[in-house]
């Protein structure tokens, strides 16, 4: 199944909170079996057995007429123009069958079709936004921040998509670094002081947002799986690609981001002050998929690794979903 982007929530109109860890969210958020985020265990992923020409192309190019706004639960970056964007993915990957070759049968809002799994289709960047700490974890450990680049594929190119297309999201994890990340500075220097699109901060007219600046230096290892939106309505059918190498953000930059994310939120709100704890230990009996996995060696009573939840949903159960991984970077794919 693939998602209709029209079903994605309007952040400015959203009324959900993270007070109860998202456990009070309704609908598919509670009943879905293919929810995101997840805990990633690179060592136990299904190998991605495709040649270099069938790997995702992350040639997203650059964007102009860029603005930054706070829709209420994140900091979001939007743009009006794209330059030299030629990113693409195979139909097999888009429909959750990345190792498939030849023809496959797929179903979605647009109907049921037989398509060539190896056919490449273009990805159009729509926006990026951030979560802190990260929503996806690797071996139970969260990163300081996660950036989600949301892209779309048109129904013209992928017929099982809805008329408005379908979504593929690329996640980049950020650890704390000693020095500020200069590529983030133009965005973080224009964090809105108030919520709402009407209070968006525009970057200078000559500013170009170069997408590869927000990917890790080594973008050749990743995992991919079929999941969902990580905020209500948590619609499923989203293709996720999470890069397993990390970028960095300084503590001062992260503090600025957290301050902006706290706008409009009362620290005395009802509900527990959620800390990311790790009550489960990964063992052969527990695959570590959630809801709160922990890598071996982490003290299960330590709730200080990530601090209070700000806008991160906890990892969801896999429910038997395959997670495809590429840990051998001998064949590179382009990010230019």
C-alpha atoms as a PDB file:
ATOM      1  CA  UNK A   1       0.000   0.000   0.000  1.00  0.00           C
ATOM      2  CA  UNK A   2       1.159   3.559  -0.663  1.00  0.00           C
ATOM      3  CA  UNK A   3       0.059   6.722   1.068  1.00  0.00           C
ATOM      4  CA  UNK A   4      -1.989   9.587  -0.301  1.00  0.00           C
ATOM      5  CA  UNK A   5      -0.086  12.769   0.649  1.00  0.00           C
ATOM      6  CA  UNK A   6      -3.458  14.486   1.001  1.00  0.00           C
ATOM      7  CA  UNK A   7      -3.920  12.388   4.140  1.00  0.00           C
ATOM      8  CA  UNK A   8      -0.845  13.909   5.772  1.00  0.00           C
ATOM      9  CA  UNK A   9      -1.756  16.103   8.746  1.00  0.00           C
ATOM     10  CA  UNK A  10      -1.873  19.873   8.578  1.00  0.00           C
ATOM     11  CA  UNK A  11       0.657  20.672  11.323  1.00  0.00           C
ATOM     12  CA  UNK A  12      -0.750  24.125  12.017  1.00  0.00           C
ATOM     13  CA  UNK A  13      -4.155  22.605  12.755  1.00  0.00           C
ATOM     14  CA  UNK A  14      -2.878  19.645  14.768  1.00  0.00           C
ATOM     15  CA  UNK A  15      -4.053  19.307  18.358  1.00  0.00           C
ATOM     16  CA  UNK A  16      -2.119  16.188  19.382  1.00  0.00           C
ATOM     17  CA  UNK A  17       0.520  16.328  22.107  1.00  0.00           C
ATOM     18  CA  UNK A  18       3.418  14.177  23.318  1.00  0.00           C
ATOM     19  CA  UNK A  19       2.300  14.369  26.957  1.00  0.00           C
ATOM     20  CA  UNK A  20       1.411  10.680  27.099  1.00  0.00           C
ATOM     21  CA  UNK A  21       4.098   9.398  24.737  1.00  0.00           C
ATOM     22  CA  UNK A  22       1.536   9.329  21.931  1.00  0.00           C
ATOM     23  CA  UNK A  23      -0.335   6.512  23.647  1.00  0.00           C
ATOM     24  CA  UNK A  24      -3.457   8.691  23.645  1.00  0.00           C
ATOM     25  CA  UNK A  25      -3.366   9.080  19.848  1.00  0.00           C
ATOM     26  CA  UNK A  26      -6.317   7.381  18.176  1.00  0.00           C
ATOM     27  CA  UNK A  27      -7.107   5.533  14.956  1.00  0.00           C
ATOM     28  CA  UNK A  28      -4.304   3.955  12.974  1.00  0.00           C
ATOM     29  CA  UNK A  29      -1.795   5.403  15.454  1.00  0.00           C
ATOM     30  CA  UNK A  30      -3.069   2.780  17.922  1.00  0.00           C
ATOM     31  CA  UNK A  31      -4.274   0.011  15.618  1.00  0.00           C
ATOM     32  CA  UNK A  32      -1.783   0.058  12.730  1.00  0.00           C
ATOM     33  CA  UNK A  33       0.694  -2.780  12.300  1.00  0.00           C
ATOM     34  CA  UNK A  34       3.233  -0.889  10.163  1.00  0.00           C
ATOM     35  CA  UNK A  35       3.944   2.162  12.276  1.00  0.00           C
ATOM     36  CA  UNK A  36       7.009   4.400  12.440  1.00  0.00           C
ATOM     37  CA  UNK A  37       9.544   5.054  13.827  1.00  0.00           C
ATOM     38  CA  UNK A  38      11.317   1.798  14.657  1.00  0.00           C
ATOM     39  CA  UNK A  39      14.449   0.615  16.410  1.00  0.00           C
ATOM     40  CA  UNK A  40      17.055  -0.261  13.783  1.00  0.00           C
ATOM     41  CA  UNK A  41      19.402  -3.205  14.275  1.00  0.00           C
ATOM     42  CA  UNK A  42      21.756  -3.106  11.272  1.00  0.00           C
ATOM     43  CA  UNK A  43      23.229  -6.517  12.090  1.00  0.00           C
ATOM     44  CA  UNK A  44      19.913  -8.315  11.630  1.00  0.00           C
ATOM     45  CA  UNK A  45      18.485  -6.510   8.612  1.00  0.00           C
ATOM     46  CA  UNK A  46      17.681  -8.305   5.349  1.00  0.00           C
ATOM     47  CA  UNK A  47      20.573  -7.655   2.926  1.00  0.00           C
ATOM     48  CA  UNK A  48      19.687  -5.286   0.113  1.00  0.00           C
ATOM     49  CA  UNK A  49      20.817  -7.324  -2.878  1.00  0.00           C
ATOM     50  CA  UNK A  50      20.682  -4.836  -5.717  1.00  0.00           C
ATOM     51  CA  UNK A  51      23.364  -3.450  -7.999  1.00  0.00           C
ATOM     52  CA  UNK A  52      24.515   0.139  -7.770  1.00  0.00           C
ATOM     53  CA  UNK A  53      22.277   1.329 -10.593  1.00  0.00           C
ATOM     54  CA  UNK A  54      19.211   0.232  -8.607  1.00  0.00           C
ATOM     55  CA  UNK A  55      20.146   1.968  -5.350  1.00  0.00           C
ATOM     56  CA  UNK A  56      18.269   5.145  -4.406  1.00  0.00           C
ATOM     57  CA  UNK A  57      19.609   8.267  -6.075  1.00  0.00           C
ATOM     58  CA  UNK A  58      19.844  11.134  -3.599  1.00  0.00           C
ATOM     59  CA  UNK A  59      20.536  13.828  -6.180  1.00  0.00           C
ATOM     60  CA  UNK A  60      18.004  16.200  -4.637  1.00  0.00           C
ATOM     61  CA  UNK A  61      19.762  19.299  -5.974  1.00  0.00           C
ATOM     62  CA  UNK A  62      18.923  22.567  -4.241  1.00  0.00           C
ATOM     63  CA  UNK A  63      15.936  24.732  -3.335  1.00  0.00           C
ATOM     64  CA  UNK A  64      15.249  28.461  -3.512  1.00  0.00           C
ATOM     65  CA  UNK A  65      12.764  30.883  -1.953  1.00  0.00           C
ATOM     66  CA  UNK A  66      13.238  29.099   1.371  1.00  0.00           C
ATOM     67  CA  UNK A  67      11.284  29.798   4.562  1.00  0.00           C
ATOM     68  CA  UNK A  68      11.360  28.398   8.095  1.00  0.00           C
ATOM     69  CA  UNK A  69       8.241  28.067  10.219  1.00  0.00           C
ATOM     70  CA  UNK A  70       6.942  26.467  13.376  1.00  0.00           C
ATOM     71  CA  UNK A  71       3.688  24.568  12.737  1.00  0.00           C
ATOM     72  CA  UNK A  72       3.364  23.711  16.425  1.00  0.00           C
ATOM     73  CA  UNK A  73       5.235  20.432  16.869  1.00  0.00           C
ATOM     74  CA  UNK A  74       8.382  20.828  14.783  1.00  0.00           C
ATOM     75  CA  UNK A  75      10.538  23.270  12.874  1.00  0.00           C
ATOM     76  CA  UNK A  76       9.751  22.945   9.180  1.00  0.00           C
ATOM     77  CA  UNK A  77      11.666  24.224   6.160  1.00  0.00           C
ATOM     78  CA  UNK A  78       9.749  24.830   2.921  1.00  0.00           C
ATOM     79  CA  UNK A  79      10.658  26.164  -0.514  1.00  0.00           C
ATOM     80  CA  UNK A  80       9.062  27.326  -3.743  1.00  0.00           C
ATOM     81  CA  UNK A  81      11.632  26.324  -6.359  1.00  0.00           C
ATOM     82  CA  UNK A  82      13.870  23.314  -7.031  1.00  0.00           C
ATOM     83  CA  UNK A  83      17.085  23.337  -9.075  1.00  0.00           C
ATOM     84  CA  UNK A  84      18.849  20.299 -10.577  1.00  0.00           C
ATOM     85  CA  UNK A  85      16.743  17.821  -8.629  1.00  0.00           C
ATOM     86  CA  UNK A  86      17.027  14.348 -10.167  1.00  0.00           C
ATOM     87  CA  UNK A  87      16.583  12.033  -7.162  1.00  0.00           C
ATOM     88  CA  UNK A  88      14.847   8.747  -7.865  1.00  0.00           C
ATOM     89  CA  UNK A  89      13.955   5.341  -6.491  1.00  0.00           C
ATOM     90  CA  UNK A  90      12.858   2.076  -8.092  1.00  0.00           C
ATOM     91  CA  UNK A  91       9.216   1.044  -8.116  1.00  0.00           C
ATOM     92  CA  UNK A  92      10.227  -2.111  -6.292  1.00  0.00           C
ATOM     93  CA  UNK A  93      11.623  -0.045  -3.417  1.00  0.00           C
ATOM     94  CA  UNK A  94       8.670   2.355  -3.445  1.00  0.00           C
ATOM     95  CA  UNK A  95       6.229  -0.529  -3.098  1.00  0.00           C
ATOM     96  CA  UNK A  96       8.204  -2.296  -0.368  1.00  0.00           C
ATOM     97  CA  UNK A  97       9.945  -4.899  -2.554  1.00  0.00           C
ATOM     98  CA  UNK A  98      13.473  -3.463  -2.992  1.00  0.00           C
ATOM     99  CA  UNK A  99      15.062  -6.804  -3.887  1.00  0.00           C
ATOM    100  CA  UNK A 100      12.487  -7.614  -6.556  1.00  0.00           C
ATOM    101  CA  UNK A 101      13.365  -7.925 -10.233  1.00  0.00           C
ATOM    102  CA  UNK A 102      11.085  -8.111 -13.245  1.00  0.00           C
ATOM    103  CA  UNK A 103       7.352  -7.496 -12.948  1.00  0.00           C
ATOM    104  CA  UNK A 104       5.549  -7.273  -9.598  1.00  0.00           C
ATOM    105  CA  UNK A 105       1.893  -6.761  -8.701  1.00  0.00           C
ATOM    106  CA  UNK A 106       1.229  -3.779  -6.439  1.00  0.00           C
ATOM    107  CA  UNK A 107      -1.875  -2.237  -4.877  1.00  0.00           C
ATOM    108  CA  UNK A 108      -2.640   1.207  -3.523  1.00  0.00           C
ATOM    109  CA  UNK A 109      -5.202   4.037  -3.556  1.00  0.00           C
ATOM    110  CA  UNK A 110      -4.812   4.255  -7.339  1.00  0.00           C
ATOM    111  CA  UNK A 111      -5.653   0.582  -7.920  1.00  0.00           C
ATOM    112  CA  UNK A 112      -3.820  -2.690  -8.596  1.00  0.00           C
ATOM    113  CA  UNK A 113      -1.152  -2.799 -11.277  1.00  0.00           C
ATOM    114  CA  UNK A 114       1.656  -4.915 -12.651  1.00  0.00           C
ATOM    115  CA  UNK A 115       4.812  -2.820 -12.832  1.00  0.00           C
ATOM    116  CA  UNK A 116       8.505  -3.275 -13.571  1.00  0.00           C
ATOM    117  CA  UNK A 117      10.218  -3.387 -10.172  1.00  0.00           C
ATOM    118  CA  UNK A 118      13.455  -1.993 -11.629  1.00  0.00           C
ATOM    119  CA  UNK A 119      11.886   1.074 -13.238  1.00  0.00           C
ATOM    120  CA  UNK A 120      13.161   4.304 -11.666  1.00  0.00           C
ATOM    121  CA  UNK A 121      10.700   7.056 -10.715  1.00  0.00           C
ATOM    122  CA  UNK A 122      11.563  10.645  -9.725  1.00  0.00           C
ATOM    123  CA  UNK A 123      11.348  11.911  -6.144  1.00  0.00           C
ATOM    124  CA  UNK A 124      10.241  15.510  -5.559  1.00  0.00           C
ATOM    125  CA  UNK A 125      11.391  17.125  -2.275  1.00  0.00           C
ATOM    126  CA  UNK A 126       8.409  18.727  -0.503  1.00  0.00           C
ATOM    127  CA  UNK A 127       9.743  19.900   2.885  1.00  0.00           C
ATOM    128  CA  UNK A 128      12.022  18.920   5.719  1.00  0.00           C
ATOM    129  CA  UNK A 129      11.442  19.039   9.443  1.00  0.00           C
ATOM    130  CA  UNK A 130      13.167  17.883  12.629  1.00  0.00           C
ATOM    131  CA  UNK A 131      12.558  15.810  15.758  1.00  0.00           C
ATOM    132  CA  UNK A 132      14.630  15.884  18.929  1.00  0.00           C
ATOM    133  CA  UNK A 133      15.757  13.492  20.183  1.00  0.00           C
ATOM    134  CA  UNK A 134      15.652  11.233  17.147  1.00  0.00           C
ATOM    135  CA  UNK A 135      12.588   9.100  16.524  1.00  0.00           C
ATOM    136  CA  UNK A 136      14.458   6.208  14.940  1.00  0.00           C
ATOM    137  CA  UNK A 137      17.010   4.555  17.208  1.00  0.00           C
ATOM    138  CA  UNK A 138      19.982   2.385  16.265  1.00  0.00           C
ATOM    139  CA  UNK A 139      20.494  -0.592  18.546  1.00  0.00           C
ATOM    140  CA  UNK A 140      18.320   1.158  21.092  1.00  0.00           C
ATOM    141  CA  UNK A 141      20.218   4.419  21.167  1.00  0.00           C
ATOM    142  CA  UNK A 142      18.614   7.692  20.028  1.00  0.00           C
ATOM    143  CA  UNK A 143      20.564  10.436  18.306  1.00  0.00           C
ATOM    144  CA  UNK A 144      20.292  14.056  19.424  1.00  0.00           C
ATOM    145  CA  UNK A 145      18.166  15.034  16.424  1.00  0.00           C
ATOM    146  CA  UNK A 146      16.594  13.517  13.316  1.00  0.00           C
ATOM    147  CA  UNK A 147      15.911  15.412  10.108  1.00  0.00           C
ATOM    148  CA  UNK A 148      13.130  14.111   7.842  1.00  0.00           C
ATOM    149  CA  UNK A 149      13.247  15.052   4.170  1.00  0.00           C
ATOM    150  CA  UNK A 150       9.748  14.397   2.830  1.00  0.00           C
ATOM    151  CA  UNK A 151       9.540  13.609  -0.882  1.00  0.00           C
ATOM    152  CA  UNK A 152       6.703  12.602  -3.172  1.00  0.00           C
ATOM    153  CA  UNK A 153       6.202  10.429  -6.247  1.00  0.00           C
ATOM    154  CA  UNK A 154       3.439  11.292  -8.720  1.00  0.00           C
ATOM    155  CA  UNK A 155       0.692   8.905  -9.772  1.00  0.00           C
ATOM    156  CA  UNK A 156       1.831   9.422 -13.362  1.00  0.00           C
ATOM    157  CA  UNK A 157       5.084   7.681 -12.484  1.00  0.00           C
ATOM    158  CA  UNK A 158       3.686   5.200  -9.940  1.00  0.00           C
ATOM    159  CA  UNK A 159       0.097   4.311 -10.892  1.00  0.00           C
ATOM    160  CA  UNK A 160      -0.862   2.643  -7.587  1.00  0.00           C
ATOM    161  CA  UNK A 161      -0.349   5.970  -5.821  1.00  0.00           C
ATOM    162  CA  UNK A 162      -3.316   8.218  -5.166  1.00  0.00           C
ATOM    163  CA  UNK A 163      -4.063  11.072  -7.565  1.00  0.00           C
ATOM    164  CA  UNK A 164      -1.931  13.339  -5.377  1.00  0.00           C
ATOM    165  CA  UNK A 165       0.978  10.890  -5.359  1.00  0.00           C
ATOM    166  CA  UNK A 166       2.680   8.955  -2.542  1.00  0.00           C
ATOM    167  CA  UNK A 167       5.426   9.650  -0.017  1.00  0.00           C
ATOM    168  CA  UNK A 168       9.034   8.574   0.604  1.00  0.00           C
ATOM    169  CA  UNK A 169      10.852  10.005   3.638  1.00  0.00           C
ATOM    170  CA  UNK A 170      14.628  10.132   4.128  1.00  0.00           C
ATOM    171  CA  UNK A 171      15.921  10.350   7.698  1.00  0.00           C
ATOM    172  CA  UNK A 172      19.294  11.778   8.755  1.00  0.00           C
ATOM    173  CA  UNK A 173      20.484  11.326  12.355  1.00  0.00           C
ATOM    174  CA  UNK A 174      22.517  14.005  14.151  1.00  0.00           C
ATOM    175  CA  UNK A 175      24.840  13.375  17.095  1.00  0.00           C
ATOM    176  CA  UNK A 176      26.290  16.091  19.324  1.00  0.00           C
ATOM    177  CA  UNK A 177      29.487  17.538  17.858  1.00  0.00           C
ATOM    178  CA  UNK A 178      32.147  19.769  19.351  1.00  0.00           C
ATOM    179  CA  UNK A 179      31.679  22.519  16.762  1.00  0.00           C
ATOM    180  CA  UNK A 180      28.500  24.125  15.384  1.00  0.00           C
ATOM    181  CA  UNK A 181      27.234  22.716  12.093  1.00  0.00           C
ATOM    182  CA  UNK A 182      27.707  25.615   9.679  1.00  0.00           C
ATOM    183  CA  UNK A 183      25.180  24.172   7.222  1.00  0.00           C
ATOM    184  CA  UNK A 184      22.449  24.371   9.875  1.00  0.00           C
ATOM    185  CA  UNK A 185      23.264  27.953  10.887  1.00  0.00           C
ATOM    186  CA  UNK A 186      21.202  29.722   8.179  1.00  0.00           C
ATOM    187  CA  UNK A 187      18.132  27.788   9.323  1.00  0.00           C
ATOM    188  CA  UNK A 188      18.735  28.004  13.064  1.00  0.00           C
ATOM    189  CA  UNK A 189      19.453  31.746  12.845  1.00  0.00           C
ATOM    190  CA  UNK A 190      15.905  32.281  11.586  1.00  0.00           C
ATOM    191  CA  UNK A 191      13.889  30.171  13.984  1.00  0.00           C
ATOM    192  CA  UNK A 192      10.442  31.790  14.256  1.00  0.00           C
ATOM    193  CA  UNK A 193       9.482  33.391  17.547  1.00  0.00           C
ATOM    194  CA  UNK A 194       5.822  32.505  17.016  1.00  0.00           C
ATOM    195  CA  UNK A 195       3.957  29.531  15.601  1.00  0.00           C
ATOM    196  CA  UNK A 196       2.097  29.494  12.309  1.00  0.00           C
ATOM    197  CA  UNK A 197       2.877  29.878   8.623  1.00  0.00           C
ATOM    198  CA  UNK A 198       2.002  33.558   8.833  1.00  0.00           C
ATOM    199  CA  UNK A 199       5.019  33.960  11.133  1.00  0.00           C
ATOM    200  CA  UNK A 200       7.443  32.125   8.844  1.00  0.00           C
ATOM    201  CA  UNK A 201      10.954  33.533   8.515  1.00  0.00           C
ATOM    202  CA  UNK A 202      12.182  33.890   4.932  1.00  0.00           C
ATOM    203  CA  UNK A 203      15.836  33.344   4.099  1.00  0.00           C
ATOM    204  CA  UNK A 204      17.606  35.836   1.796  1.00  0.00           C
ATOM    205  CA  UNK A 205      16.442  35.744  -1.811  1.00  0.00           C
ATOM    206  CA  UNK A 206      19.841  34.498  -3.035  1.00  0.00           C
ATOM    207  CA  UNK A 207      20.032  31.640  -0.494  1.00  0.00           C
ATOM    208  CA  UNK A 208      20.107  28.136  -1.955  1.00  0.00           C
ATOM    209  CA  UNK A 209      19.300  25.173   0.283  1.00  0.00           C
ATOM    210  CA  UNK A 210      21.659  22.424  -0.936  1.00  0.00           C
ATOM    211  CA  UNK A 211      20.123  19.125   0.118  1.00  0.00           C
ATOM    212  CA  UNK A 212      23.345  17.132   0.268  1.00  0.00           C
ATOM    213  CA  UNK A 213      24.488  19.509   3.043  1.00  0.00           C
ATOM    214  CA  UNK A 214      21.906  17.829   5.267  1.00  0.00           C
ATOM    215  CA  UNK A 215      22.965  14.264   4.538  1.00  0.00           C
ATOM    216  CA  UNK A 216      25.785  12.520   6.426  1.00  0.00           C
ATOM    217  CA  UNK A 217      29.240  12.630   4.873  1.00  0.00           C
ATOM    218  CA  UNK A 218      28.942   8.882   4.330  1.00  0.00           C
ATOM    219  CA  UNK A 219      25.486   8.431   2.850  1.00  0.00           C
ATOM    220  CA  UNK A 220      26.188   4.957   1.487  1.00  0.00           C
ATOM    221  CA  UNK A 221      24.822   2.837   4.337  1.00  0.00           C
ATOM    222  CA  UNK A 222      21.144   2.856   5.174  1.00  0.00           C
ATOM    223  CA  UNK A 223      18.078   0.822   6.017  1.00  0.00           C
ATOM    224  CA  UNK A 224      14.756   0.952   4.238  1.00  0.00           C
ATOM    225  CA  UNK A 225      11.313  -0.290   5.241  1.00  0.00           C
ATOM    226  CA  UNK A 226       7.593   0.382   4.858  1.00  0.00           C
ATOM    227  CA  UNK A 227       6.146   2.421   7.700  1.00  0.00           C
ATOM    228  CA  UNK A 228       3.929   5.374   8.485  1.00  0.00           C
ATOM    229  CA  UNK A 229       3.767   9.033   9.288  1.00  0.00           C
ATOM    230  CA  UNK A 230       5.165   9.497  12.800  1.00  0.00           C
ATOM    231  CA  UNK A 231       2.457  12.006  13.750  1.00  0.00           C
ATOM    232  CA  UNK A 232      -1.357  11.726  13.598  1.00  0.00           C
ATOM    233  CA  UNK A 233      -3.067  10.415  11.561  1.00  0.00           C
ATOM    234  CA  UNK A 234      -0.065   7.982  11.378  1.00  0.00           C
ATOM    235  CA  UNK A 235      -1.137   6.855   7.891  1.00  0.00           C
ATOM    236  CA  UNK A 236       0.731   3.777   6.701  1.00  0.00           C
ATOM    237  CA  UNK A 237       2.302   3.035   3.333  1.00  0.00           C
ATOM    238  CA  UNK A 238       5.272   5.425   3.640  1.00  0.00           C
ATOM    239  CA  UNK A 239       8.638   4.322   2.229  1.00  0.00           C
ATOM    240  CA  UNK A 240      11.323   5.095   4.823  1.00  0.00           C
ATOM    241  CA  UNK A 241      15.051   5.305   4.167  1.00  0.00           C
ATOM    242  CA  UNK A 242      17.145   6.006   7.271  1.00  0.00           C
ATOM    243  CA  UNK A 243      20.832   6.748   6.764  1.00  0.00           C
ATOM    244  CA  UNK A 244      22.815   4.916   9.436  1.00  0.00           C
ATOM    245  CA  UNK A 245      25.862   7.196   9.481  1.00  0.00           C
ATOM    246  CA  UNK A 246      25.364  10.425  11.408  1.00  0.00           C
ATOM    247  CA  UNK A 247      25.860  14.145  10.961  1.00  0.00           C
ATOM    248  CA  UNK A 248      26.513  16.477  13.908  1.00  0.00           C
ATOM    249  CA  UNK A 249      24.871  19.411  15.650  1.00  0.00           C
ATOM    250  CA  UNK A 250      26.436  21.358  18.520  1.00  0.00           C
ATOM    251  CA  UNK A 251      24.841  21.465  21.958  1.00  0.00           C
ATOM    252  CA  UNK A 252      24.224  25.214  21.642  1.00  0.00           C
ATOM    253  CA  UNK A 253      22.469  24.704  18.296  1.00  0.00           C
ATOM    254  CA  UNK A 254      20.368  21.918  19.777  1.00  0.00           C
ATOM    255  CA  UNK A 255      19.429  24.136  22.737  1.00  0.00           C
ATOM    256  CA  UNK A 256      18.255  26.845  20.325  1.00  0.00           C
ATOM    257  CA  UNK A 257      16.174  24.301  18.476  1.00  0.00           C
ATOM    258  CA  UNK A 258      14.624  22.932  21.665  1.00  0.00           C
ATOM    259  CA  UNK A 259      13.754  26.451  22.804  1.00  0.00           C
ATOM    260  CA  UNK A 260      11.959  27.102  19.519  1.00  0.00           C
ATOM    261  CA  UNK A 261      10.110  23.791  19.757  1.00  0.00           C
ATOM    262  CA  UNK A 262       8.932  24.701  23.259  1.00  0.00           C
ATOM    263  CA  UNK A 263       7.058  27.774  22.001  1.00  0.00           C
ATOM    264  CA  UNK A 264       3.397  27.570  22.963  1.00  0.00           C
ATOM    265  CA  UNK A 265       3.858  24.540  25.204  1.00  0.00           C
ATOM    266  CA  UNK A 266       3.232  24.786  28.931  1.00  0.00           C
ATOM    267  CA  UNK A 267       5.812  22.924  30.984  1.00  0.00           C
ATOM    268  CA  UNK A 268       3.066  22.410  33.573  1.00  0.00           C
ATOM    269  CA  UNK A 269       0.786  20.573  31.130  1.00  0.00           C
ATOM    270  CA  UNK A 270      -1.010  17.564  32.526  1.00  0.00           C
ATOM    271  CA  UNK A 271       0.510  14.207  31.853  1.00  0.00           C
ATOM    272  CA  UNK A 272       3.806  12.606  32.828  1.00  0.00           C
ATOM    273  CA  UNK A 273       7.123  14.246  32.034  1.00  0.00           C
ATOM    274  CA  UNK A 274       8.282  11.663  29.527  1.00  0.00           C
ATOM    275  CA  UNK A 275      11.880  10.589  29.545  1.00  0.00           C
ATOM    276  CA  UNK A 276      13.254   8.154  27.012  1.00  0.00           C
ATOM    277  CA  UNK A 277      13.991   5.104  29.116  1.00  0.00           C
ATOM    278  CA  UNK A 278      15.053   1.647  27.962  1.00  0.00           C
ATOM    279  CA  UNK A 279      13.238  -1.066  29.933  1.00  0.00           C
ATOM    280  CA  UNK A 280      13.831  -3.856  27.419  1.00  0.00           C
ATOM    281  CA  UNK A 281      17.097  -5.629  26.775  1.00  0.00           C
ATOM    282  CA  UNK A 282      17.714  -7.125  23.361  1.00  0.00           C
ATOM    283  CA  UNK A 283      17.867 -10.910  23.709  1.00  0.00           C
ATOM    284  CA  UNK A 284      17.065 -13.808  21.364  1.00  0.00           C
ATOM    285  CA  UNK A 285      13.544 -13.742  22.848  1.00  0.00           C
ATOM    286  CA  UNK A 286      13.091 -10.013  22.176  1.00  0.00           C
ATOM    287  CA  UNK A 287      14.015  -8.613  18.797  1.00  0.00           C
ATOM    288  CA  UNK A 288      14.362  -5.122  20.264  1.00  0.00           C
ATOM    289  CA  UNK A 289      11.688  -3.681  17.989  1.00  0.00           C
ATOM    290  CA  UNK A 290       9.800  -1.789  20.659  1.00  0.00           C
ATOM    291  CA  UNK A 291       8.119  -0.100  22.150  1.00  0.00           C
ATOM    292  CA  UNK A 292      11.195   0.990  24.128  1.00  0.00           C
ATOM    293  CA  UNK A 293      14.181  -1.143  23.062  1.00  0.00           C
ATOM    294  CA  UNK A 294      17.624  -0.998  24.554  1.00  0.00           C
ATOM    295  CA  UNK A 295      20.981  -2.087  23.259  1.00  0.00           C
ATOM    296  CA  UNK A 296      22.890  -4.553  25.380  1.00  0.00           C
ATOM    297  CA  UNK A 297      25.019  -2.760  27.951  1.00  0.00           C
ATOM    298  CA  UNK A 298      22.742   0.243  28.509  1.00  0.00           C
ATOM    299  CA  UNK A 299      21.495   0.582  32.070  1.00  0.00           C
ATOM    300  CA  UNK A 300      17.735   0.044  31.863  1.00  0.00           C
ATOM    301  CA  UNK A 301      17.163   2.538  34.687  1.00  0.00           C
ATOM    302  CA  UNK A 302      18.980   5.350  32.898  1.00  0.00           C
ATOM    303  CA  UNK A 303      16.400   7.841  31.640  1.00  0.00           C
ATOM    304  CA  UNK A 304      18.869  10.612  30.904  1.00  0.00           C
ATOM    305  CA  UNK A 305      20.187   9.486  27.527  1.00  0.00           C
ATOM    306  CA  UNK A 306      17.723  11.598  25.577  1.00  0.00           C
ATOM    307  CA  UNK A 307      15.897  13.703  28.148  1.00  0.00           C
ATOM    308  CA  UNK A 308      12.280  14.794  28.148  1.00  0.00           C
ATOM    309  CA  UNK A 309      10.256  14.041  25.037  1.00  0.00           C
ATOM    310  CA  UNK A 310       9.764  17.151  22.934  1.00  0.00           C
ATOM    311  CA  UNK A 311       8.485  15.905  19.601  1.00  0.00           C
ATOM    312  CA  UNK A 312       9.726  12.344  19.209  1.00  0.00           C
ATOM    313  CA  UNK A 313       7.444   9.342  18.975  1.00  0.00           C
ATOM    314  CA  UNK A 314       8.784   6.188  20.609  1.00  0.00           C
ATOM    315  CA  UNK A 315       9.867   3.224  18.424  1.00  0.00           C
ATOM    316  CA  UNK A 316       6.998   1.025  17.274  1.00  0.00           C
ATOM    317  CA  UNK A 317       6.817  -2.798  17.057  1.00  0.00           C
ATOM    318  CA  UNK A 318       7.988  -4.353  13.812  1.00  0.00           C
ATOM    319  CA  UNK A 319       5.126  -6.865  13.714  1.00  0.00           C
ATOM    320  CA  UNK A 320       7.129  -9.085  11.394  1.00  0.00           C
ATOM    321  CA  UNK A 321       8.019  -6.379   8.876  1.00  0.00           C
ATOM    322  CA  UNK A 322      11.247  -6.913   6.925  1.00  0.00           C
ATOM    323  CA  UNK A 323      13.866  -4.183   7.338  1.00  0.00           C
ATOM    324  CA  UNK A 324      16.269  -4.083   4.418  1.00  0.00           C
ATOM    325  CA  UNK A 325      19.789  -2.870   5.088  1.00  0.00           C
ATOM    326  CA  UNK A 326      22.867  -1.883   3.165  1.00  0.00           C
ATOM    327  CA  UNK A 327      25.947  -2.059   5.346  1.00  0.00           C
ATOM    328  CA  UNK A 328      28.483  -2.655   2.560  1.00  0.00           C
ATOM    329  CA  UNK A 329      29.394   0.706   1.054  1.00  0.00           C
ATOM    330  CA  UNK A 330      31.669  -0.712  -1.654  1.00  0.00           C
ATOM    331  CA  UNK A 331      29.064   0.321  -4.248  1.00  0.00           C
ATOM    332  CA  UNK A 332      28.256   3.985  -3.823  1.00  0.00           C
ATOM    333  CA  UNK A 333      25.200   5.891  -4.893  1.00  0.00           C
ATOM    334  CA  UNK A 334      25.318   9.538  -5.860  1.00  0.00           C
ATOM    335  CA  UNK A 335      24.324  12.452  -3.622  1.00  0.00           C
ATOM    336  CA  UNK A 336      25.552  15.267  -5.825  1.00  0.00           C
END
